[in-house]
Amino acid sequence: MTAVNPNGCSVSIHPYFKVRAGHLDAVKALMREFVGKTATEEKVLYYEFTLNGDEVFCREAYVGAEGVLEHLTNVGALLDRMLTLSDLTRLEIHGPAEELAKLRSPLGHLNPAWFTYEWGVKR
């Protein structure tokens, strides 16, 4: 599977979760479910989890705001389960201003930190 990003309008999401005591094994199993479900998405550019003790970080990016919204619809039930096992401690959303504008209303209730793309290297 190869996602195409013709306009360079990738949007990345950076959620951090603090796993509640006694739930790390359940969260690890849930991470595998997230990855399996996300692997079916056409607009995912990358998607991976990392751990630092009981802190979980999900590094993920999508082709545009549409890819983000499709992903959240796809994994909504899994995310609900994740939030019964952990707390969302920080959420960052990075991307071009025009793509972030499309996400402010549907994701604003999560109180993310919005990072507007300025400069970079793309290959």
PDB file of N, CA and C in Angstrom:
ATOM      1  N   MET A   1       0.848  -1.177   0.000  1.00  0.00           N
ATOM      2  CA  MET A   1       0.000   0.000   0.000  1.00  0.00           C
ATOM      3  C   MET A   1       0.891   1.237   0.000  1.00  0.00           C
ATOM      4  N   THR A   2       0.602   2.182  -0.874  1.00  0.00           N
ATOM      5  CA  THR A   2       1.338   3.441  -0.916  1.00  0.00           C
ATOM      6  C   THR A   2       0.343   4.588  -0.934  1.00  0.00           C
ATOM      7  N   ALA A   3       0.459   5.458   0.051  1.00  0.00           N
ATOM      8  CA  ALA A   3      -0.380   6.650   0.076  1.00  0.00           C
ATOM      9  C   ALA A   3       0.281   7.710  -0.795  1.00  0.00           C
ATOM     10  N   VAL A   4      -0.533   8.444  -1.510  1.00  0.00           N
ATOM     11  CA  VAL A   4      -0.028   9.495  -2.392  1.00  0.00           C
ATOM     12  C   VAL A   4      -0.362  10.843  -1.778  1.00  0.00           C
ATOM     13  N   ASN A   5       0.605  11.721  -1.790  1.00  0.00           N
ATOM     14  CA  ASN A   5       0.436  13.055  -1.231  1.00  0.00           C
ATOM     15  C   ASN A   5       0.825  14.072  -2.303  1.00  0.00           C
ATOM     16  N   PRO A   6      -0.026  14.280  -3.320  1.00  0.00           N
ATOM     17  CA  PRO A   6       0.343  15.102  -4.465  1.00  0.00           C
ATOM     18  C   PRO A   6       0.549  16.572  -4.158  1.00  0.00           C
ATOM     19  N   ASN A   7      -0.119  17.101  -3.156  1.00  0.00           N
ATOM     20  CA  ASN A   7      -0.030  18.532  -2.868  1.00  0.00           C
ATOM     21  C   ASN A   7       0.858  18.854  -1.676  1.00  0.00           C
ATOM     22  N   GLY A   8       1.521  17.865  -1.140  1.00  0.00           N
ATOM     23  CA  GLY A   8       2.355  18.117   0.025  1.00  0.00           C
ATOM     24  C   GLY A   8       1.544  18.550   1.235  1.00  0.00           C
ATOM     25  N   CYS A   9       0.290  18.129   1.312  1.00  0.00           N
ATOM     26  CA  CYS A   9      -0.582  18.605   2.389  1.00  0.00           C
ATOM     27  C   CYS A   9      -0.770  17.533   3.455  1.00  0.00           C
ATOM     28  N   SER A  10       0.325  16.978   3.934  1.00  0.00           N
ATOM     29  CA  SER A  10       0.185  15.992   4.995  1.00  0.00           C
ATOM     30  C   SER A  10      -0.155  16.680   6.310  1.00  0.00           C
ATOM     31  N   VAL A  11      -0.922  15.974   7.108  1.00  0.00           N
ATOM     32  CA  VAL A  11      -1.282  16.433   8.446  1.00  0.00           C
ATOM     33  C   VAL A  11      -0.873  15.330   9.399  1.00  0.00           C
ATOM     34  N   SER A  12      -0.127  15.704  10.437  1.00  0.00           N
ATOM     35  CA  SER A  12       0.269  14.703  11.422  1.00  0.00           C
ATOM     36  C   SER A  12      -0.420  14.979  12.747  1.00  0.00           C
ATOM     37  N   ILE A  13      -0.698  13.886  13.433  1.00  0.00           N
ATOM     38  CA  ILE A  13      -1.345  13.948  14.739  1.00  0.00           C
ATOM     39  C   ILE A  13      -0.366  13.351  15.741  1.00  0.00           C
ATOM     40  N   HIS A  14      -0.259  13.969  16.905  1.00  0.00           N
ATOM     41  CA  HIS A  14       0.691  13.516  17.917  1.00  0.00           C
ATOM     42  C   HIS A  14      -0.025  13.411  19.268  1.00  0.00           C
ATOM     43  N   PRO A  15      -0.738  12.291  19.508  1.00  0.00           N
ATOM     44  CA  PRO A  15      -1.392  12.119  20.799  1.00  0.00           C
ATOM     45  C   PRO A  15      -0.477  11.399  21.798  1.00  0.00           C
ATOM     46  N   TYR A  16      -0.532  11.843  23.038  1.00  0.00           N
ATOM     47  CA  TYR A  16       0.195  11.227  24.136  1.00  0.00           C
ATOM     48  C   TYR A  16      -0.828  10.721  25.150  1.00  0.00           C
ATOM     49  N   PHE A  17      -0.663   9.478  25.560  1.00  0.00           N
ATOM     50  CA  PHE A  17      -1.570   8.861  26.522  1.00  0.00           C
ATOM     51  C   PHE A  17      -0.789   8.405  27.748  1.00  0.00           C
ATOM     52  N   LYS A  18      -1.384   8.551  28.912  1.00  0.00           N
ATOM     53  CA  LYS A  18      -0.826   8.029  30.164  1.00  0.00           C
ATOM     54  C   LYS A  18      -1.677   6.816  30.533  1.00  0.00           C
ATOM     55  N   VAL A  19      -1.062   5.638  30.510  1.00  0.00           N
ATOM     56  CA  VAL A  19      -1.785   4.395  30.792  1.00  0.00           C
ATOM     57  C   VAL A  19      -2.086   4.319  32.285  1.00  0.00           C
ATOM     58  N   ARG A  20      -3.320   3.981  32.584  1.00  0.00           N
ATOM     59  CA  ARG A  20      -3.717   3.828  33.978  1.00  0.00           C
ATOM     60  C   ARG A  20      -3.088   2.559  34.563  1.00  0.00           C
ATOM     61  N   ALA A  21      -2.848   2.587  35.849  1.00  0.00           N
ATOM     62  CA  ALA A  21      -2.183   1.478  36.542  1.00  0.00           C
ATOM     63  C   ALA A  21      -2.870   0.143  36.238  1.00  0.00           C
ATOM     64  N   GLY A  22      -2.050  -0.838  35.909  1.00  0.00           N
ATOM     65  CA  GLY A  22      -2.550  -2.188  35.677  1.00  0.00           C
ATOM     66  C   GLY A  22      -3.098  -2.447  34.285  1.00  0.00           C
ATOM     67  N   HIS A  23      -3.031  -1.474  33.378  1.00  0.00           N
ATOM     68  CA  HIS A  23      -3.650  -1.637  32.059  1.00  0.00           C
ATOM     69  C   HIS A  23      -2.652  -1.659  30.898  1.00  0.00           C
ATOM     70  N   LEU A  24      -1.362  -1.708  31.184  1.00  0.00           N
ATOM     71  CA  LEU A  24      -0.376  -1.630  30.103  1.00  0.00           C
ATOM     72  C   LEU A  24      -0.500  -2.794  29.120  1.00  0.00           C
ATOM     73  N   ASP A  25      -0.708  -4.002  29.587  1.00  0.00           N
ATOM     74  CA  ASP A  25      -0.836  -5.144  28.676  1.00  0.00           C
ATOM     75  C   ASP A  25      -2.064  -4.991  27.775  1.00  0.00           C
ATOM     76  N   ALA A  26      -3.163  -4.508  28.332  1.00  0.00           N
ATOM     77  CA  ALA A  26      -4.373  -4.298  27.538  1.00  0.00           C
ATOM     78  C   ALA A  26      -4.144  -3.219  26.489  1.00  0.00           C
ATOM     79  N   VAL A  27      -3.416  -2.178  26.861  1.00  0.00           N
ATOM     80  CA  VAL A  27      -3.118  -1.097  25.905  1.00  0.00           C
ATOM     81  C   VAL A  27      -2.212  -1.622  24.790  1.00  0.00           C
ATOM     82  N   LYS A  28      -1.232  -2.429  25.127  1.00  0.00           N
ATOM     83  CA  LYS A  28      -0.355  -3.003  24.104  1.00  0.00           C
ATOM     84  C   LYS A  28      -1.148  -3.846  23.109  1.00  0.00           C
ATOM     85  N   ALA A  29      -2.092  -4.624  23.593  1.00  0.00           N
ATOM     86  CA  ALA A  29      -2.942  -5.418  22.705  1.00  0.00           C
ATOM     87  C   ALA A  29      -3.805  -4.506  21.831  1.00  0.00           C
ATOM     88  N   LEU A  30      -4.297  -3.440  22.411  1.00  0.00           N
ATOM     89  CA  LEU A  30      -5.126  -2.490  21.678  1.00  0.00           C
ATOM     90  C   LEU A  30      -4.321  -1.773  20.594  1.00  0.00           C
ATOM     91  N   MET A  31      -3.054  -1.490  20.863  1.00  0.00           N
ATOM     92  CA  MET A  31      -2.202  -0.852  19.863  1.00  0.00           C
ATOM     93  C   MET A  31      -2.116  -1.717  18.608  1.00  0.00           C
ATOM     94  N   ARG A  32      -2.007  -3.020  18.785  1.00  0.00           N
ATOM     95  CA  ARG A  32      -1.972  -3.922  17.623  1.00  0.00           C
ATOM     96  C   ARG A  32      -3.275  -3.824  16.824  1.00  0.00           C
ATOM     97  N   GLU A  33      -4.397  -3.706  17.514  1.00  0.00           N
ATOM     98  CA  GLU A  33      -5.681  -3.546  16.829  1.00  0.00           C
ATOM     99  C   GLU A  33      -5.730  -2.238  16.050  1.00  0.00           C
ATOM    100  N   PHE A  34      -5.261  -1.156  16.668  1.00  0.00           N
ATOM    101  CA  PHE A  34      -5.196   0.140  15.987  1.00  0.00           C
ATOM    102  C   PHE A  34      -4.395   0.025  14.689  1.00  0.00           C
ATOM    103  N   VAL A  35      -3.226  -0.586  14.772  1.00  0.00           N
ATOM    104  CA  VAL A  35      -2.351  -0.698  13.599  1.00  0.00           C
ATOM    105  C   VAL A  35      -3.030  -1.525  12.512  1.00  0.00           C
ATOM    106  N   GLY A  36      -3.636  -2.632  12.877  1.00  0.00           N
ATOM    107  CA  GLY A  36      -4.320  -3.463  11.888  1.00  0.00           C
ATOM    108  C   GLY A  36      -5.448  -2.730  11.191  1.00  0.00           C
ATOM    109  N   LYS A  37      -6.225  -1.997  11.937  1.00  0.00           N
ATOM    110  CA  LYS A  37      -7.354  -1.252  11.353  1.00  0.00           C
ATOM    111  C   LYS A  37      -6.849  -0.090  10.497  1.00  0.00           C
ATOM    112  N   THR A  38      -5.807   0.599  10.960  1.00  0.00           N
ATOM    113  CA  THR A  38      -5.266   1.737  10.224  1.00  0.00           C
ATOM    114  C   THR A  38      -4.597   1.303   8.927  1.00  0.00           C
ATOM    115  N   ALA A  39      -4.040   0.108   8.898  1.00  0.00           N
ATOM    116  CA  ALA A  39      -3.363  -0.398   7.698  1.00  0.00           C
ATOM    117  C   ALA A  39      -4.300  -0.487   6.499  1.00  0.00           C
ATOM    118  N   THR A  40      -5.602  -0.475   6.724  1.00  0.00           N
ATOM    119  CA  THR A  40      -6.578  -0.549   5.632  1.00  0.00           C
ATOM    120  C   THR A  40      -6.872   0.816   5.008  1.00  0.00           C
ATOM    121  N   GLU A  41      -6.387   1.874   5.614  1.00  0.00           N
ATOM    122  CA  GLU A  41      -6.710   3.230   5.163  1.00  0.00           C
ATOM    123  C   GLU A  41      -5.822   3.650   3.989  1.00  0.00           C
ATOM    124  N   GLU A  42      -6.417   4.248   2.973  1.00  0.00           N
ATOM    125  CA  GLU A  42      -5.676   4.666   1.785  1.00  0.00           C
ATOM    126  C   GLU A  42      -4.881   5.950   1.992  1.00  0.00           C
ATOM    127  N   LYS A  43      -5.279   6.782   2.938  1.00  0.00           N
ATOM    128  CA  LYS A  43      -4.636   8.093   3.093  1.00  0.00           C
ATOM    129  C   LYS A  43      -3.670   8.156   4.269  1.00  0.00           C
ATOM    130  N   VAL A  44      -3.321   7.015   4.841  1.00  0.00           N
ATOM    131  CA  VAL A  44      -2.333   7.012   5.920  1.00  0.00           C
ATOM    132  C   VAL A  44      -0.937   7.040   5.295  1.00  0.00           C
ATOM    133  N   LEU A  45      -0.083   7.918   5.814  1.00  0.00           N
ATOM    134  CA  LEU A  45       1.305   8.004   5.352  1.00  0.00           C
ATOM    135  C   LEU A  45       2.222   7.199   6.271  1.00  0.00           C
ATOM    136  N   TYR A  46       1.998   7.280   7.576  1.00  0.00           N
ATOM    137  CA  TYR A  46       2.680   6.435   8.547  1.00  0.00           C
ATOM    138  C   TYR A  46       1.860   6.405   9.820  1.00  0.00           C
ATOM    139  N   TYR A  47       2.056   5.335  10.581  1.00  0.00           N
ATOM    140  CA  TYR A  47       1.284   5.138  11.800  1.00  0.00           C
ATOM    141  C   TYR A  47       2.053   4.173  12.682  1.00  0.00           C
ATOM    142  N   GLU A  48       2.476   4.641  13.861  1.00  0.00           N
ATOM    143  CA  GLU A  48       3.248   3.773  14.749  1.00  0.00           C
ATOM    144  C   GLU A  48       3.129   4.235  16.187  1.00  0.00           C
ATOM    145  N   PHE A  49       3.323   3.295  17.088  1.00  0.00           N
ATOM    146  CA  PHE A  49       3.282   3.573  18.519  1.00  0.00           C
ATOM    147  C   PHE A  49       4.669   3.419  19.121  1.00  0.00           C
ATOM    148  N   THR A  50       4.967   4.261  20.105  1.00  0.00           N
ATOM    149  CA  THR A  50       6.173   4.116  20.908  1.00  0.00           C
ATOM    150  C   THR A  50       5.761   4.225  22.376  1.00  0.00           C
ATOM    151  N   LEU A  51       6.590   3.607  23.231  1.00  0.00           N
ATOM    152  CA  LEU A  51       6.324   3.600  24.668  1.00  0.00           C
ATOM    153  C   LEU A  51       7.497   4.184  25.438  1.00  0.00           C
ATOM    154  N   ASN A  52       7.175   4.884  26.507  1.00  0.00           N
ATOM    155  CA  ASN A  52       8.149   5.353  27.484  1.00  0.00           C
ATOM    156  C   ASN A  52       7.549   5.027  28.848  1.00  0.00           C
ATOM    157  N   GLY A  53       7.823   3.830  29.342  1.00  0.00           N
ATOM    158  CA  GLY A  53       7.189   3.384  30.585  1.00  0.00           C
ATOM    159  C   GLY A  53       5.698   3.232  30.388  1.00  0.00           C
ATOM    160  N   ASP A  54       4.911   4.044  31.104  1.00  0.00           N
ATOM    161  CA  ASP A  54       3.451   3.979  30.961  1.00  0.00           C
ATOM    162  C   ASP A  54       2.903   5.108  30.084  1.00  0.00           C
ATOM    163  N   GLU A  55       3.784   5.756  29.345  1.00  0.00           N
ATOM    164  CA  GLU A  55       3.372   6.807  28.404  1.00  0.00           C
ATOM    165  C   GLU A  55       3.393   6.237  26.990  1.00  0.00           C
ATOM    166  N   VAL A  56       2.304   6.423  26.267  1.00  0.00           N
ATOM    167  CA  VAL A  56       2.168   5.945  24.898  1.00  0.00           C
ATOM    168  C   VAL A  56       2.124   7.146  23.967  1.00  0.00           C
ATOM    169  N   PHE A  57       2.889   7.065  22.903  1.00  0.00           N
ATOM    170  CA  PHE A  57       2.878   8.096  21.871  1.00  0.00           C
ATOM    171  C   PHE A  57       2.523   7.432  20.549  1.00  0.00           C
ATOM    172  N   CYS A  58       1.605   8.046  19.801  1.00  0.00           N
ATOM    173  CA  CYS A  58       1.249   7.548  18.477  1.00  0.00           C
ATOM    174  C   CYS A  58       1.716   8.570  17.452  1.00  0.00           C
ATOM    175  N   ARG A  59       2.657   8.137  16.593  1.00  0.00           N
ATOM    176  CA  ARG A  59       3.189   8.995  15.529  1.00  0.00           C
ATOM    177  C   ARG A  59       2.425   8.628  14.271  1.00  0.00           C
ATOM    178  N   GLU A  60       1.695   9.592  13.722  1.00  0.00           N
ATOM    179  CA  GLU A  60       0.811   9.285  12.598  1.00  0.00           C
ATOM    180  C   GLU A  60       0.657  10.487  11.680  1.00  0.00           C
ATOM    181  N   ALA A  61       0.506  10.207  10.378  1.00  0.00           N
ATOM    182  CA  ALA A  61       0.288  11.289   9.413  1.00  0.00           C
ATOM    183  C   ALA A  61      -0.596  10.780   8.280  1.00  0.00           C
ATOM    184  N   TYR A  62      -1.299  11.727   7.690  1.00  0.00           N
ATOM    185  CA  TYR A  62      -2.308  11.421   6.672  1.00  0.00           C
ATOM    186  C   TYR A  62      -2.236  12.428   5.543  1.00  0.00           C
ATOM    187  N   VAL A  63      -2.773  12.044   4.411  1.00  0.00           N
ATOM    188  CA  VAL A  63      -2.895  12.952   3.283  1.00  0.00           C
ATOM    189  C   VAL A  63      -4.058  13.889   3.602  1.00  0.00           C
ATOM    190  N   GLY A  64      -3.725  15.108   3.994  1.00  0.00           N
ATOM    191  CA  GLY A  64      -4.722  16.151   4.230  1.00  0.00           C
ATOM    192  C   GLY A  64      -5.643  15.905   5.402  1.00  0.00           C
ATOM    193  N   ALA A  65      -6.465  16.895   5.672  1.00  0.00           N
ATOM    194  CA  ALA A  65      -7.448  16.834   6.749  1.00  0.00           C
ATOM    195  C   ALA A  65      -8.449  15.705   6.512  1.00  0.00           C
ATOM    196  N   GLU A  66      -8.783  15.455   5.267  1.00  0.00           N
ATOM    197  CA  GLU A  66      -9.728  14.383   4.951  1.00  0.00           C
ATOM    198  C   GLU A  66      -9.208  13.035   5.439  1.00  0.00           C
ATOM    199  N   GLY A  67      -7.916  12.799   5.271  1.00  0.00           N
ATOM    200  CA  GLY A  67      -7.318  11.553   5.747  1.00  0.00           C
ATOM    201  C   GLY A  67      -7.413  11.419   7.259  1.00  0.00           C
ATOM    202  N   VAL A  68      -7.225  12.521   7.971  1.00  0.00           N
ATOM    203  CA  VAL A  68      -7.342  12.518   9.432  1.00  0.00           C
ATOM    204  C   VAL A  68      -8.762  12.158   9.846  1.00  0.00           C
ATOM    205  N   LEU A  69      -9.726  12.807   9.238  1.00  0.00           N
ATOM    206  CA  LEU A  69     -11.122  12.568   9.613  1.00  0.00           C
ATOM    207  C   LEU A  69     -11.559  11.150   9.268  1.00  0.00           C
ATOM    208  N   GLU A  70     -11.114  10.634   8.133  1.00  0.00           N
ATOM    209  CA  GLU A  70     -11.427   9.242   7.776  1.00  0.00           C
ATOM    210  C   GLU A  70     -10.824   8.282   8.797  1.00  0.00           C
ATOM    211  N   HIS A  71      -9.602   8.570   9.226  1.00  0.00           N
ATOM    212  CA  HIS A  71      -8.951   7.714  10.222  1.00  0.00           C
ATOM    213  C   HIS A  71      -9.724   7.710  11.532  1.00  0.00           C
ATOM    214  N   LEU A  72     -10.096   8.889  12.012  1.00  0.00           N
ATOM    215  CA  LEU A  72     -10.795   8.971  13.290  1.00  0.00           C
ATOM    216  C   LEU A  72     -12.144   8.262  13.239  1.00  0.00           C
ATOM    217  N   THR A  73     -12.792   8.288  12.092  1.00  0.00           N
ATOM    218  CA  THR A  73     -14.029   7.532  11.929  1.00  0.00           C
ATOM    219  C   THR A  73     -13.740   6.034  11.973  1.00  0.00           C
ATOM    220  N   ASN A  74     -12.676   5.621  11.299  1.00  0.00           N
ATOM    221  CA  ASN A  74     -12.311   4.210  11.219  1.00  0.00           C
ATOM    222  C   ASN A  74     -11.961   3.626  12.587  1.00  0.00           C
ATOM    223  N   VAL A  75     -11.249   4.372  13.416  1.00  0.00           N
ATOM    224  CA  VAL A  75     -10.770   3.828  14.692  1.00  0.00           C
ATOM    225  C   VAL A  75     -11.548   4.358  15.898  1.00  0.00           C
ATOM    226  N   GLY A  76     -12.674   4.983  15.666  1.00  0.00           N
ATOM    227  CA  GLY A  76     -13.430   5.606  16.755  1.00  0.00           C
ATOM    228  C   GLY A  76     -13.722   4.681  17.921  1.00  0.00           C
ATOM    229  N   ALA A  77     -14.166   3.460  17.656  1.00  0.00           N
ATOM    230  CA  ALA A  77     -14.488   2.520  18.736  1.00  0.00           C
ATOM    231  C   ALA A  77     -13.232   2.123  19.501  1.00  0.00           C
ATOM    232  N   LEU A  78     -12.114   1.961  18.784  1.00  0.00           N
ATOM    233  CA  LEU A  78     -10.855   1.631  19.449  1.00  0.00           C
ATOM    234  C   LEU A  78     -10.375   2.790  20.321  1.00  0.00           C
ATOM    235  N   LEU A  79     -10.544   4.002  19.827  1.00  0.00           N
ATOM    236  CA  LEU A  79     -10.145   5.172  20.606  1.00  0.00           C
ATOM    237  C   LEU A  79     -10.973   5.274  21.889  1.00  0.00           C
ATOM    238  N   ASP A  80     -12.248   4.992  21.787  1.00  0.00           N
ATOM    239  CA  ASP A  80     -13.099   4.997  22.982  1.00  0.00           C
ATOM    240  C   ASP A  80     -12.568   3.996  24.009  1.00  0.00           C
ATOM    241  N   ARG A  81     -12.172   2.807  23.549  1.00  0.00           N
ATOM    242  CA  ARG A  81     -11.596   1.804  24.458  1.00  0.00           C
ATOM    243  C   ARG A  81     -10.278   2.293  25.056  1.00  0.00           C
ATOM    244  N   MET A  82      -9.436   2.914  24.224  1.00  0.00           N
ATOM    245  CA  MET A  82      -8.154   3.423  24.706  1.00  0.00           C
ATOM    246  C   MET A  82      -8.372   4.415  25.843  1.00  0.00           C
ATOM    247  N   LEU A  83      -9.399   5.235  25.718  1.00  0.00           N
ATOM    248  CA  LEU A  83      -9.649   6.259  26.735  1.00  0.00           C
ATOM    249  C   LEU A  83     -10.262   5.696  28.017  1.00  0.00           C
ATOM    250  N   THR A  84     -10.636   4.421  28.021  1.00  0.00           N
ATOM    251  CA  THR A  84     -11.039   3.774  29.271  1.00  0.00           C
ATOM    252  C   THR A  84      -9.830   3.175  29.993  1.00  0.00           C
ATOM    253  N   LEU A  85      -8.715   3.027  29.268  1.00  0.00           N
ATOM    254  CA  LEU A  85      -7.501   2.418  29.812  1.00  0.00           C
ATOM    255  C   LEU A  85      -6.398   3.438  30.077  1.00  0.00           C
ATOM    256  N   SER A  86      -6.562   4.639  29.528  1.00  0.00           N
ATOM    257  CA  SER A  86      -5.524   5.665  29.626  1.00  0.00           C
ATOM    258  C   SER A  86      -6.161   7.047  29.554  1.00  0.00           C
ATOM    259  N   ASP A  87      -5.335   8.053  29.823  1.00  0.00           N
ATOM    260  CA  ASP A  87      -5.775   9.448  29.728  1.00  0.00           C
ATOM    261  C   ASP A  87      -5.011  10.121  28.602  1.00  0.00           C
ATOM    262  N   LEU A  88      -5.698  10.899  27.789  1.00  0.00           N
ATOM    263  CA  LEU A  88      -5.053  11.707  26.758  1.00  0.00           C
ATOM    264  C   LEU A  88      -4.427  12.904  27.463  1.00  0.00           C
ATOM    265  N   THR A  89      -3.086  12.953  27.490  1.00  0.00           N
ATOM    266  CA  THR A  89      -2.410  14.013  28.234  1.00  0.00           C
ATOM    267  C   THR A  89      -1.994  15.181  27.361  1.00  0.00           C
ATOM    268  N   ARG A  90      -1.809  14.935  26.079  1.00  0.00           N
ATOM    269  CA  ARG A  90      -1.437  16.004  25.153  1.00  0.00           C
ATOM    270  C   ARG A  90      -1.832  15.569  23.764  1.00  0.00           C
ATOM    271  N   LEU A  91      -2.260  16.527  22.957  1.00  0.00           N
ATOM    272  CA  LEU A  91      -2.585  16.273  21.562  1.00  0.00           C
ATOM    273  C   LEU A  91      -2.070  17.439  20.732  1.00  0.00           C
ATOM    274  N   GLU A  92      -1.221  17.117  19.765  1.00  0.00           N
ATOM    275  CA  GLU A  92      -0.716  18.109  18.818  1.00  0.00           C
ATOM    276  C   GLU A  92      -1.219  17.738  17.429  1.00  0.00           C
ATOM    277  N   ILE A  93      -1.545  18.744  16.643  1.00  0.00           N
ATOM    278  CA  ILE A  93      -1.903  18.532  15.240  1.00  0.00           C
ATOM    279  C   ILE A  93      -1.043  19.479  14.418  1.00  0.00           C
ATOM    280  N   HIS A  94      -0.313  18.912  13.450  1.00  0.00           N
ATOM    281  CA  HIS A  94       0.644  19.660  12.636  1.00  0.00           C
ATOM    282  C   HIS A  94       0.223  19.598  11.175  1.00  0.00           C
ATOM    283  N   GLY A  95       0.321  20.724  10.469  1.00  0.00           N
ATOM    284  CA  GLY A  95       0.028  20.714   9.042  1.00  0.00           C
ATOM    285  C   GLY A  95      -0.090  22.110   8.476  1.00  0.00           C
ATOM    286  N   PRO A  96      -0.366  22.192   7.167  1.00  0.00           N
ATOM    287  CA  PRO A  96      -0.569  23.495   6.518  1.00  0.00           C
ATOM    288  C   PRO A  96      -1.818  24.180   7.085  1.00  0.00           C
ATOM    289  N   ALA A  97      -1.776  25.491   7.148  1.00  0.00           N
ATOM    290  CA  ALA A  97      -2.871  26.269   7.739  1.00  0.00           C
ATOM    291  C   ALA A  97      -4.226  25.923   7.130  1.00  0.00           C
ATOM    292  N   GLU A  98      -4.279  25.756   5.805  1.00  0.00           N
ATOM    293  CA  GLU A  98      -5.571  25.476   5.165  1.00  0.00           C
ATOM    294  C   GLU A  98      -6.123  24.106   5.552  1.00  0.00           C
ATOM    295  N   GLU A  99      -5.254  23.149   5.854  1.00  0.00           N
ATOM    296  CA  GLU A  99      -5.713  21.829   6.292  1.00  0.00           C
ATOM    297  C   GLU A  99      -6.121  21.875   7.764  1.00  0.00           C
ATOM    298  N   LEU A 100      -5.369  22.593   8.580  1.00  0.00           N
ATOM    299  CA  LEU A 100      -5.721  22.732   9.992  1.00  0.00           C
ATOM    300  C   LEU A 100      -7.078  23.409  10.159  1.00  0.00           C
ATOM    301  N   ALA A 101      -7.361  24.378   9.292  1.00  0.00           N
ATOM    302  CA  ALA A 101      -8.647  25.081   9.360  1.00  0.00           C
ATOM    303  C   ALA A 101      -9.816  24.111   9.200  1.00  0.00           C
ATOM    304  N   LYS A 102      -9.639  23.069   8.405  1.00  0.00           N
ATOM    305  CA  LYS A 102     -10.695  22.068   8.185  1.00  0.00           C
ATOM    306  C   LYS A 102     -10.905  21.178   9.405  1.00  0.00           C
ATOM    307  N   LEU A 103      -9.937  21.160  10.317  1.00  0.00           N
ATOM    308  CA  LEU A 103     -10.001  20.271  11.480  1.00  0.00           C
ATOM    309  C   LEU A 103     -10.392  20.985  12.764  1.00  0.00           C
ATOM    310  N   ARG A 104     -10.319  22.302  12.771  1.00  0.00           N
ATOM    311  CA  ARG A 104     -10.557  23.041  14.017  1.00  0.00           C
ATOM    312  C   ARG A 104     -11.946  22.794  14.592  1.00  0.00           C
ATOM    313  N   SER A 105     -12.955  22.762  13.771  1.00  0.00           N
ATOM    314  CA  SER A 105     -14.300  22.523  14.288  1.00  0.00           C
ATOM    315  C   SER A 105     -14.490  21.074  14.743  1.00  0.00           C
ATOM    316  N   PRO A 106     -14.178  20.081  13.900  1.00  0.00           N
ATOM    317  CA  PRO A 106     -14.434  18.711  14.340  1.00  0.00           C
ATOM    318  C   PRO A 106     -13.517  18.218  15.466  1.00  0.00           C
ATOM    319  N   LEU A 107     -12.336  18.820  15.647  1.00  0.00           N
ATOM    320  CA  LEU A 107     -11.404  18.336  16.667  1.00  0.00           C
ATOM    321  C   LEU A 107     -11.164  19.339  17.799  1.00  0.00           C
ATOM    322  N   GLY A 108     -11.757  20.499  17.708  1.00  0.00           N
ATOM    323  CA  GLY A 108     -11.533  21.539  18.703  1.00  0.00           C
ATOM    324  C   GLY A 108     -11.873  21.127  20.121  1.00  0.00           C
ATOM    325  N   HIS A 109     -12.884  20.269  20.298  1.00  0.00           N
ATOM    326  CA  HIS A 109     -13.287  19.842  21.638  1.00  0.00           C
ATOM    327  C   HIS A 109     -12.184  19.056  22.362  1.00  0.00           C
ATOM    328  N   LEU A 110     -11.192  18.558  21.604  1.00  0.00           N
ATOM    329  CA  LEU A 110     -10.071  17.826  22.202  1.00  0.00           C
ATOM    330  C   LEU A 110      -8.972  18.762  22.700  1.00  0.00           C
ATOM    331  N   ASN A 111      -9.131  20.052  22.441  1.00  0.00           N
ATOM    332  CA  ASN A 111      -8.194  21.084  22.867  1.00  0.00           C
ATOM    333  C   ASN A 111      -6.752  20.797  22.432  1.00  0.00           C
ATOM    334  N   PRO A 112      -6.548  20.528  21.140  1.00  0.00           N
ATOM    335  CA  PRO A 112      -5.182  20.236  20.688  1.00  0.00           C
ATOM    336  C   PRO A 112      -4.337  21.498  20.598  1.00  0.00           C
ATOM    337  N   ALA A 113      -3.021  21.296  20.555  1.00  0.00           N
ATOM    338  CA  ALA A 113      -2.092  22.364  20.207  1.00  0.00           C
ATOM    339  C   ALA A 113      -1.958  22.312  18.690  1.00  0.00           C
ATOM    340  N   TRP A 114      -2.197  23.429  18.022  1.00  0.00           N
ATOM    341  CA  TRP A 114      -2.179  23.491  16.559  1.00  0.00           C
ATOM    342  C   TRP A 114      -0.827  24.029  16.094  1.00  0.00           C
ATOM    343  N   PHE A 115      -0.108  23.270  15.285  1.00  0.00           N
ATOM    344  CA  PHE A 115       1.192  23.674  14.760  1.00  0.00           C
ATOM    345  C   PHE A 115       1.084  23.856  13.257  1.00  0.00           C
ATOM    346  N   THR A 116       1.342  25.068  12.780  1.00  0.00           N
ATOM    347  CA  THR A 116       1.230  25.397  11.358  1.00  0.00           C
ATOM    348  C   THR A 116       2.571  25.178  10.667  1.00  0.00           C
ATOM    349  N   TYR A 117       2.544  24.421   9.584  1.00  0.00           N
ATOM    350  CA  TYR A 117       3.741  24.113   8.816  1.00  0.00           C
ATOM    351  C   TYR A 117       4.323  25.404   8.230  1.00  0.00           C
ATOM    352  N   GLU A 118       5.642  25.550   8.331  1.00  0.00           N
ATOM    353  CA  GLU A 118       6.332  26.704   7.789  1.00  0.00           C
ATOM    354  C   GLU A 118       7.405  26.306   6.774  1.00  0.00           C
ATOM    355  N   TRP A 119       8.360  25.466   7.174  1.00  0.00           N
ATOM    356  CA  TRP A 119       9.498  25.127   6.329  1.00  0.00           C
ATOM    357  C   TRP A 119       9.875  23.662   6.532  1.00  0.00           C
ATOM    358  N   GLY A 120      10.467  23.063   5.514  1.00  0.00           N
ATOM    359  CA  GLY A 120      10.927  21.695   5.688  1.00  0.00           C
ATOM    360  C   GLY A 120      11.544  21.127   4.423  1.00  0.00           C
ATOM    361  N   VAL A 121      11.900  19.869   4.496  1.00  0.00           N
ATOM    362  CA  VAL A 121      12.469  19.114   3.376  1.00  0.00           C
ATOM    363  C   VAL A 121      11.524  17.974   3.069  1.00  0.00           C
ATOM    364  N   LYS A 122      11.197  17.805   1.816  1.00  0.00           N
ATOM    365  CA  LYS A 122      10.337  16.695   1.395  1.00  0.00           C
ATOM    366  C   LYS A 122      11.064  15.949   0.284  1.00  0.00           C
ATOM    367  N   ARG A 123      10.933  14.652   0.295  1.00  0.00           N
ATOM    368  CA  ARG A 123      11.556  13.813  -0.744  1.00  0.00           C
ATOM    369  C   ARG A 123      10.496  13.067  -1.499  1.00  0.00           C
TER     370      ARG A 123
END
